[in-house]
Amino acid sequence: MSRASARAISPSDARDLKAAVRAYWDEHVADWKIARHPPGTKEFFEEVEAYRFEKLSYLPQRVDFAGYPGQSVLDVGCGLGNDLSRFARGGSIVTGIDISPRAIDLARTNFQQRGLAGQFAVMDGEALEFPDGSFDVVYCHTVLHFTPHPDRMVGEIHRVLKDDGLAILMTVNRKSWMNWLRHVMKVDIDHLDSPVFRHMTIGEFRELLRPFAAVDLVPERFPVATKVHGGAKALLFNAVFVRGFKALPQAWTRGTGHHLLAFCRKTARD
């Protein structure tokens, strides 16, 4: 599952682990191999966003970033703030939190350079400092598999959502094509060295989302040609694996998406 054991963690161990997570992301939040400009510059944010949304082309297709004008949106683990900026450009009233102080500093800089309004705070997503029912939408992408207690984070997201609020949550699929490729071809996965990294099956993710009465879960992120890696492995991946994967019937490959994306609706009965 992760470097964090599934056994009960003592309070002191939990504090140490959370501190390690914070320190790791302070150091690595700006580690983007594609970036050619210094972190914090306008060009850095632009090239990272362009690469992210090219690699994760499903995101603007699945997430209606412009669809919540005037509504309150919380991004749990906002990182650089690029995803949150899309909600802001769509007219949402946005708040970003992250366990990493450096991430929050960079997100604020990103918004300032874009002329966007947003509130930011250093905060643990497993212990949100907001009243019950504070937000219309909570977005949490590329975070749940890096936190020591994802069940606590999901519980907190459910708590701070308004009735009929929407949570957009993502984790990584243990039975994905990328995880298979990692074992067979020794392909690197970003941040596998983080203090916590867990994969989940579709069934495990559904179990994690039990606080929500209504859940629409879809596998996403399928192979696209790499621009970061080079050499024989990259050539083989781009020319053979990506093309071969796309030629397979979708019914065979649908459940192997590397990302599991869930749209969860909170109801008054939850």
Protein backbone atom coordinates (compact mmCIF):
# COMPACT_ATOMS: atom_id res chain seq x y z
CA MET A 1 0.00 0.00 0.00
CA SER A 2 2.52 2.60 1.11
CA ARG A 3 5.52 3.20 3.28
CA ALA A 4 3.00 3.85 6.03
CA SER A 5 2.00 0.51 7.46
CA ALA A 6 -1.65 -0.48 7.49
CA ARG A 7 -1.29 -1.13 11.26
CA ALA A 8 -2.36 1.49 13.78
CA ILE A 9 0.12 4.36 13.95
CA SER A 10 1.01 5.83 17.34
CA PRO A 11 0.42 9.57 17.84
CA SER A 12 4.15 10.30 17.86
CA ASP A 13 4.71 8.23 14.71
CA ALA A 14 1.75 9.96 13.05
CA ARG A 15 3.24 13.40 13.82
CA ASP A 16 6.60 12.31 12.45
CA LEU A 17 5.00 10.94 9.30
CA LYS A 18 2.95 14.08 8.73
CA ALA A 19 6.09 16.19 9.21
CA ALA A 20 7.89 14.02 6.66
CA VAL A 21 5.05 14.52 4.17
CA ARG A 22 5.20 18.30 4.68
CA ALA A 23 8.99 18.37 4.27
CA TYR A 24 8.85 16.19 1.15
CA TRP A 25 6.38 18.46 -0.65
CA ASP A 26 8.21 21.61 0.45
CA GLU A 27 11.19 20.16 -1.38
CA HIS A 28 9.44 18.62 -4.39
CA VAL A 29 6.33 20.68 -5.18
CA ALA A 30 8.21 22.57 -7.91
CA ASP A 31 9.98 19.48 -9.33
CA TRP A 32 8.70 19.41 -12.90
CA LYS A 33 11.16 17.90 -15.38
CA ILE A 34 9.46 19.67 -18.25
CA ALA A 35 10.02 23.15 -16.73
CA ARG A 36 12.73 25.34 -18.26
CA HIS A 37 12.09 28.47 -16.21
CA PRO A 38 12.71 29.13 -12.50
CA PRO A 39 9.90 28.22 -10.06
CA GLY A 40 7.70 31.19 -9.28
CA THR A 41 8.03 32.85 -12.67
CA LYS A 42 5.03 33.36 -14.93
CA GLU A 43 6.67 31.17 -17.56
CA PHE A 44 7.18 28.34 -15.05
CA PHE A 45 3.50 28.22 -14.11
CA GLU A 46 2.44 28.38 -17.75
CA GLU A 47 4.68 25.57 -18.98
CA VAL A 48 3.82 23.32 -16.03
CA GLU A 49 0.09 23.89 -16.57
CA ALA A 50 0.38 23.24 -20.31
CA TYR A 51 2.26 19.98 -19.71
CA ARG A 52 -0.08 18.82 -16.95
CA PHE A 53 -3.22 19.37 -18.99
CA GLU A 54 -1.68 17.75 -22.05
CA LYS A 55 -0.69 14.68 -20.04
CA LEU A 56 -4.02 14.66 -18.18
CA SER A 57 -6.15 15.58 -21.17
CA TYR A 58 -9.16 13.99 -19.49
CA LEU A 59 -9.27 16.71 -16.81
CA PRO A 60 -10.87 19.55 -18.83
CA GLN A 61 -13.15 16.97 -20.47
CA ARG A 62 -14.39 15.54 -17.18
CA VAL A 63 -14.18 18.57 -14.86
CA ASP A 64 -16.24 21.62 -15.76
CA PHE A 65 -13.85 24.18 -14.30
CA ALA A 66 -16.01 27.06 -15.59
CA GLY A 67 -19.24 25.48 -14.39
CA TYR A 68 -19.45 26.92 -10.86
CA PRO A 69 -19.62 30.73 -11.16
CA GLY A 70 -20.37 32.39 -7.84
CA GLN A 71 -20.01 29.11 -5.97
CA SER A 72 -17.42 28.38 -3.28
CA VAL A 73 -14.70 25.91 -4.30
CA LEU A 74 -12.08 24.39 -1.99
CA ASP A 75 -8.97 22.72 -3.43
CA VAL A 76 -7.50 20.29 -0.88
CA GLY A 77 -3.80 19.96 -1.67
CA CYS A 78 -3.77 22.76 -4.22
CA GLY A 79 -0.05 22.54 -4.98
CA LEU A 80 0.95 25.27 -7.43
CA GLY A 81 -2.67 26.38 -7.82
CA ASN A 82 -2.94 25.72 -11.55
CA ASP A 83 -6.11 23.62 -11.34
CA LEU A 84 -7.65 26.06 -8.87
CA SER A 85 -6.88 28.95 -11.22
CA ARG A 86 -9.22 27.38 -13.76
CA PHE A 87 -12.08 27.42 -11.28
CA ALA A 88 -11.21 31.05 -10.47
CA ARG A 89 -11.21 32.04 -14.14
CA GLY A 90 -14.66 30.48 -14.38
CA GLY A 91 -15.97 32.81 -11.70
CA SER A 92 -15.81 30.53 -8.66
CA ILE A 93 -14.95 31.89 -5.20
CA VAL A 94 -11.87 29.80 -4.52
CA THR A 95 -9.85 28.65 -1.52
CA GLY A 96 -6.69 26.58 -1.72
CA ILE A 97 -5.07 24.69 1.14
CA ASP A 98 -1.92 22.59 1.23
CA ILE A 99 0.20 20.98 3.92
CA SER A 100 3.31 22.49 2.29
CA PRO A 101 4.09 26.16 3.09
CA ARG A 102 6.15 26.40 -0.10
CA ALA A 103 3.22 25.17 -2.16
CA ILE A 104 0.99 27.88 -0.68
CA ASP A 105 3.62 30.56 -1.35
CA LEU A 106 3.87 29.45 -4.97
CA ALA A 107 0.09 29.22 -5.40
CA ARG A 108 -0.32 32.77 -4.10
CA THR A 109 2.37 33.96 -6.51
CA ASN A 110 0.66 32.12 -9.37
CA PHE A 111 -2.66 33.85 -8.66
CA GLN A 112 -1.03 37.26 -8.26
CA GLN A 113 0.68 36.94 -11.62
CA ARG A 114 -2.58 35.92 -13.28
CA GLY A 115 -4.56 38.71 -11.60
CA LEU A 116 -6.88 36.20 -9.93
CA ALA A 117 -8.53 36.37 -6.50
CA GLY A 118 -8.23 33.47 -4.09
CA GLN A 119 -7.74 32.62 -0.43
CA PHE A 120 -4.85 30.35 0.58
CA ALA A 121 -3.77 28.71 3.82
CA VAL A 122 -1.27 26.14 5.05
CA MET A 123 -3.53 23.39 6.39
CA ASP A 124 -3.71 19.64 6.88
CA GLY A 125 -6.40 18.14 4.66
CA GLU A 126 -7.05 15.48 7.29
CA ALA A 127 -8.08 18.20 9.79
CA LEU A 128 -9.73 21.03 7.83
CA GLU A 129 -10.17 24.27 9.77
CA PHE A 130 -13.55 25.17 8.28
CA PRO A 131 -17.08 24.90 9.70
CA ASP A 132 -19.44 22.17 8.53
CA GLY A 133 -21.10 22.87 5.20
CA SER A 134 -18.73 25.63 4.08
CA PHE A 135 -18.28 24.83 0.36
CA ASP A 136 -20.33 24.05 -2.72
CA VAL A 137 -17.49 22.09 -4.36
CA VAL A 138 -14.40 20.38 -2.97
CA TYR A 139 -11.70 19.36 -5.42
CA CYS A 140 -8.91 16.98 -4.39
CA HIS A 141 -6.69 15.71 -7.21
CA THR A 142 -3.33 13.92 -6.82
CA VAL A 143 -3.50 14.05 -3.02
CA LEU A 144 -5.37 11.12 -1.44
CA HIS A 145 -2.64 8.60 -2.26
CA PHE A 146 -0.02 10.79 -0.56
CA THR A 147 -1.74 11.33 2.80
CA PRO A 148 -1.30 8.98 5.79
CA HIS A 149 -5.04 8.62 6.49
CA PRO A 150 -7.09 9.11 3.30
CA ASP A 151 -10.24 8.04 5.14
CA ARG A 152 -9.86 11.04 7.45
CA MET A 153 -9.37 13.36 4.48
CA VAL A 154 -12.49 12.03 2.75
CA GLY A 155 -14.43 12.42 5.99
CA GLU A 156 -13.30 16.03 6.34
CA ILE A 157 -14.18 16.77 2.70
CA HIS A 158 -17.65 15.33 3.28
CA ARG A 159 -18.03 17.40 6.46
CA VAL A 160 -17.16 20.78 4.91
CA LEU A 161 -19.39 20.23 1.87
CA LYS A 162 -22.83 21.79 1.82
CA ASP A 163 -25.85 19.53 1.34
CA ASP A 164 -26.06 18.69 -2.36
CA GLY A 165 -22.40 19.75 -2.64
CA LEU A 166 -20.03 18.04 -5.07
CA ALA A 167 -16.67 16.47 -4.25
CA ILE A 168 -14.30 15.73 -7.16
CA LEU A 169 -11.75 13.24 -5.86
CA MET A 170 -8.92 11.25 -7.45
CA THR A 171 -6.48 8.50 -6.51
CA VAL A 172 -4.20 6.08 -8.37
CA ASN A 173 -5.28 2.65 -9.58
CA ARG A 174 -3.32 -0.35 -8.32
CA LYS A 175 -4.39 -2.35 -11.39
CA SER A 176 -3.45 0.32 -13.92
CA TRP A 177 -1.47 -0.04 -17.14
CA MET A 178 1.22 2.23 -15.67
CA ASN A 179 1.67 0.16 -12.55
CA TRP A 180 2.03 -2.93 -14.73
CA LEU A 181 4.54 -1.12 -16.95
CA ARG A 182 6.51 0.00 -13.90
CA HIS A 183 7.12 -3.60 -12.91
CA VAL A 184 7.77 -4.94 -16.41
CA MET A 185 9.88 -2.14 -17.92
CA LYS A 186 11.11 -0.44 -14.75
CA VAL A 187 9.38 2.81 -15.73
CA ASP A 188 9.53 5.53 -13.09
CA ILE A 189 6.38 6.91 -11.48
CA ASP A 190 6.62 10.45 -10.16
CA HIS A 191 6.98 10.78 -6.38
CA LEU A 192 7.02 7.05 -5.67
CA ASP A 193 9.72 7.94 -3.12
CA SER A 194 7.37 10.12 -1.07
CA PRO A 195 6.82 9.18 2.61
CA VAL A 196 3.34 7.90 1.71
CA PHE A 197 2.30 6.46 -1.64
CA ARG A 198 -0.58 4.02 -1.87
CA HIS A 199 -2.38 2.45 -4.79
CA MET A 200 -6.05 1.46 -4.54
CA THR A 201 -8.27 -0.87 -6.49
CA ILE A 202 -11.59 0.43 -7.74
CA GLY A 203 -13.30 -1.50 -4.94
CA GLU A 204 -11.01 -0.02 -2.29
CA PHE A 205 -11.64 3.48 -3.56
CA ARG A 206 -15.39 2.92 -3.49
CA GLU A 207 -15.08 1.74 0.10
CA LEU A 208 -13.15 4.91 0.96
CA LEU A 209 -15.98 7.00 -0.51
CA ARG A 210 -18.69 5.40 1.64
CA PRO A 211 -19.60 8.70 3.38
CA PHE A 212 -21.18 9.79 0.10
CA ALA A 213 -24.55 8.41 -0.96
CA ALA A 214 -24.02 9.06 -4.66
CA VAL A 215 -20.68 8.29 -6.37
CA ASP A 216 -19.82 8.24 -10.08
CA LEU A 217 -16.37 6.64 -10.41
CA VAL A 218 -14.49 6.52 -13.72
CA PRO A 219 -10.98 5.26 -14.59
CA GLU A 220 -8.98 7.85 -16.52
CA ARG A 221 -5.45 8.70 -17.67
CA PHE A 222 -4.46 6.31 -20.41
CA PRO A 223 -1.08 6.16 -22.23
CA VAL A 224 0.13 9.21 -24.14
CA ALA A 225 3.56 9.70 -25.71
CA THR A 226 6.20 10.90 -23.27
CA LYS A 227 8.07 14.18 -23.83
CA VAL A 228 10.15 13.99 -20.67
CA HIS A 229 12.00 10.70 -21.07
CA GLY A 230 14.40 9.75 -23.85
CA GLY A 231 16.41 6.83 -25.10
CA ALA A 232 15.40 3.36 -26.21
CA LYS A 233 12.74 2.89 -23.52
CA ALA A 234 10.97 6.10 -24.51
CA LEU A 235 11.10 5.15 -28.19
CA LEU A 236 9.68 1.72 -27.43
CA PHE A 237 7.00 3.22 -25.21
CA ASN A 238 5.90 5.87 -27.71
CA ALA A 239 6.14 3.81 -30.92
CA VAL A 240 4.98 0.42 -29.67
CA PHE A 241 3.22 0.50 -26.32
CA VAL A 242 1.10 3.66 -26.76
CA ARG A 243 0.01 2.73 -30.27
CA GLY A 244 -0.63 -0.87 -29.32
CA PHE A 245 -2.66 0.10 -26.26
CA LYS A 246 -4.86 2.45 -28.29
CA ALA A 247 -5.51 -0.33 -30.81
CA LEU A 248 -6.98 -2.64 -28.17
CA PRO A 249 -10.75 -2.78 -27.65
CA GLN A 250 -11.79 -0.23 -25.03
CA ALA A 251 -13.73 -2.90 -23.16
CA TRP A 252 -10.40 -4.61 -22.41
CA THR A 253 -8.56 -1.52 -21.22
CA ARG A 254 -11.22 0.67 -19.58
CA GLY A 255 -10.55 -0.51 -16.04
CA THR A 256 -6.78 0.00 -16.33
CA GLY A 257 -6.77 3.81 -16.24
CA HIS A 258 -3.97 5.00 -13.98
CA HIS A 259 -6.22 7.54 -12.28
CA LEU A 260 -9.53 6.83 -10.59
CA LEU A 261 -11.73 9.92 -10.71
CA ALA A 262 -14.85 10.14 -8.57
CA PHE A 263 -17.71 12.64 -8.58
CA CYS A 264 -19.38 12.40 -5.17
CA ARG A 265 -22.61 14.13 -4.24
CA LYS A 266 -23.43 14.88 -0.60
CA THR A 267 -27.09 14.58 0.24
CA ALA A 268 -29.02 15.58 3.36
CA ARG A 269 -29.34 11.86 4.16
CA ASP A 270 -25.54 11.26 4.21
